[in-house]
Amino acid sequence: MTCLTLFTSGSVIVTLIVWVLWFPVMLFSIFIPSNTLEHKTQLGSASFPKEGPELIGLEAICLTDLKPSGKIEIDGKFHDATCANDFLSKGSKVKLTKRQGYYWVVEKIV
């Protein structure tokens, strides 16, 4: 075998390896949103909420019934919540009292 044949064979093999590894990534990346970690659905968040104690005391609206947990809206963002005292109906106004893992604990505003 000549050097040219070996070089050509090696180039073809490297090109095939790169193509096999790169093609699926490029093909399927068109189906994955570029902001996957921040992608919001209508009633939830795909990432762990980053808001903290500065939101305690704010008012929110129940997007679903809280029996005792459900979804609330705070400043246009959707969050999981649980009610500390009783069941609340959709549309109720609530106040954030504390953070418990992924959930906000809320109380009804009377």
Protein backbone atom coordinates (compact mmCIF):
# COMPACT_ATOMS: atom_id res chain seq x y z
CA MET A 1 0.00 0.00 0.00
CA THR A 2 1.18 3.43 -0.74
CA CYS A 3 1.17 6.38 1.61
CA LEU A 4 -1.56 8.03 -0.44
CA THR A 5 -3.85 5.01 -0.01
CA LEU A 6 -3.26 4.91 3.76
CA PHE A 7 -3.83 8.66 4.07
CA THR A 8 -7.06 8.47 2.04
CA SER A 9 -8.34 5.49 4.04
CA GLY A 10 -7.55 7.24 7.32
CA SER A 11 -9.26 10.42 6.20
CA VAL A 12 -12.37 8.52 5.20
CA ILE A 13 -12.49 6.70 8.55
CA VAL A 14 -12.05 9.91 10.55
CA THR A 15 -14.71 11.65 8.44
CA LEU A 16 -17.17 8.79 9.02
CA ILE A 17 -16.54 8.80 12.78
CA VAL A 18 -17.07 12.57 13.00
CA TRP A 19 -20.21 12.33 10.84
CA VAL A 20 -21.70 9.49 12.93
CA LEU A 21 -21.10 11.39 16.17
CA TRP A 22 -22.09 14.84 14.91
CA PHE A 23 -25.14 14.07 12.74
CA PRO A 24 -27.54 12.86 15.49
CA VAL A 25 -26.72 15.90 17.61
CA MET A 26 -27.48 18.30 14.79
CA LEU A 27 -30.55 16.36 13.64
CA PHE A 28 -32.23 16.24 17.04
CA SER A 29 -31.16 19.69 18.21
CA ILE A 30 -33.86 21.21 15.99
CA PHE A 31 -36.49 19.49 18.17
CA ILE A 32 -35.05 20.69 21.51
CA PRO A 33 -35.75 24.29 22.53
CA SER A 34 -32.55 26.29 22.94
CA ASN A 35 -33.71 27.48 26.36
CA THR A 36 -34.73 24.04 27.66
CA LEU A 37 -33.74 24.72 31.26
CA GLU A 38 -35.77 27.91 31.36
CA HIS A 39 -38.67 26.66 29.21
CA LYS A 40 -42.00 27.40 30.88
CA THR A 41 -45.21 25.51 30.32
CA GLN A 42 -48.60 26.99 31.01
CA LEU A 43 -48.82 25.58 34.54
CA GLY A 44 -45.28 24.86 35.58
CA SER A 45 -41.60 25.34 35.26
CA ALA A 46 -39.05 22.93 33.87
CA SER A 47 -36.34 24.15 36.19
CA PHE A 48 -35.99 24.48 39.94
CA PRO A 49 -37.45 27.84 40.97
CA LYS A 50 -34.75 30.40 41.72
CA GLU A 51 -36.91 32.86 43.61
CA GLY A 52 -36.28 33.08 47.32
CA PRO A 53 -37.22 34.93 50.46
CA GLU A 54 -37.70 38.24 48.67
CA LEU A 55 -41.07 36.97 47.39
CA ILE A 56 -42.45 36.14 50.84
CA GLY A 57 -45.43 38.38 51.56
CA LEU A 58 -46.34 38.93 47.90
CA GLU A 59 -49.83 38.26 46.61
CA ALA A 60 -50.57 35.58 44.03
CA ILE A 61 -53.56 34.13 42.18
CA CYS A 62 -54.53 30.44 42.24
CA LEU A 63 -54.48 29.04 38.70
CA THR A 64 -55.89 25.71 39.88
CA ASP A 65 -57.75 24.56 42.96
CA LEU A 66 -55.35 24.07 45.88
CA LYS A 67 -56.42 20.72 47.40
CA PRO A 68 -54.05 21.25 49.23
CA SER A 69 -51.52 21.76 46.39
CA GLY A 70 -51.81 23.27 42.93
CA LYS A 71 -50.50 26.09 40.74
CA ILE A 72 -50.27 29.81 41.43
CA GLU A 73 -49.19 32.85 39.41
CA ILE A 74 -46.72 35.36 40.86
CA ASP A 75 -45.93 38.37 38.66
CA GLY A 76 -46.71 36.45 35.48
CA LYS A 77 -44.69 33.35 36.47
CA PHE A 78 -46.21 29.99 37.37
CA HIS A 79 -45.26 28.13 40.55
CA ASP A 80 -46.30 25.10 42.57
CA ALA A 81 -47.98 25.92 45.86
CA THR A 82 -49.63 24.27 48.81
CA CYS A 83 -52.18 25.79 51.15
CA ALA A 84 -51.32 25.82 54.84
CA ASN A 85 -54.87 25.97 56.19
CA ASP A 86 -57.59 24.69 53.87
CA PHE A 87 -58.60 24.03 50.27
CA LEU A 88 -58.75 27.04 47.95
CA SER A 89 -60.60 27.42 44.68
CA LYS A 90 -59.20 28.59 41.35
CA GLY A 91 -58.97 32.39 41.18
CA SER A 92 -58.49 32.88 44.94
CA LYS A 93 -56.03 35.54 46.06
CA VAL A 94 -53.28 34.22 48.32
CA LYS A 95 -50.21 35.50 50.14
CA LEU A 96 -46.84 33.71 50.09
CA THR A 97 -45.80 32.75 53.63
CA LYS A 98 -42.73 30.53 53.16
CA ARG A 99 -40.79 28.29 50.80
CA GLN A 100 -40.87 24.52 51.31
CA GLY A 101 -38.71 22.71 48.73
CA TYR A 102 -40.31 23.19 45.31
CA TYR A 103 -43.54 24.56 46.79
CA TRP A 104 -44.66 27.92 48.07
CA VAL A 105 -46.81 27.71 51.20
CA VAL A 106 -49.69 30.17 50.89
CA GLU A 107 -52.57 31.53 52.94
CA LYS A 108 -55.86 32.90 51.65
CA ILE A 109 -56.24 36.66 51.69
CA VAL A 110 -59.54 37.58 53.38
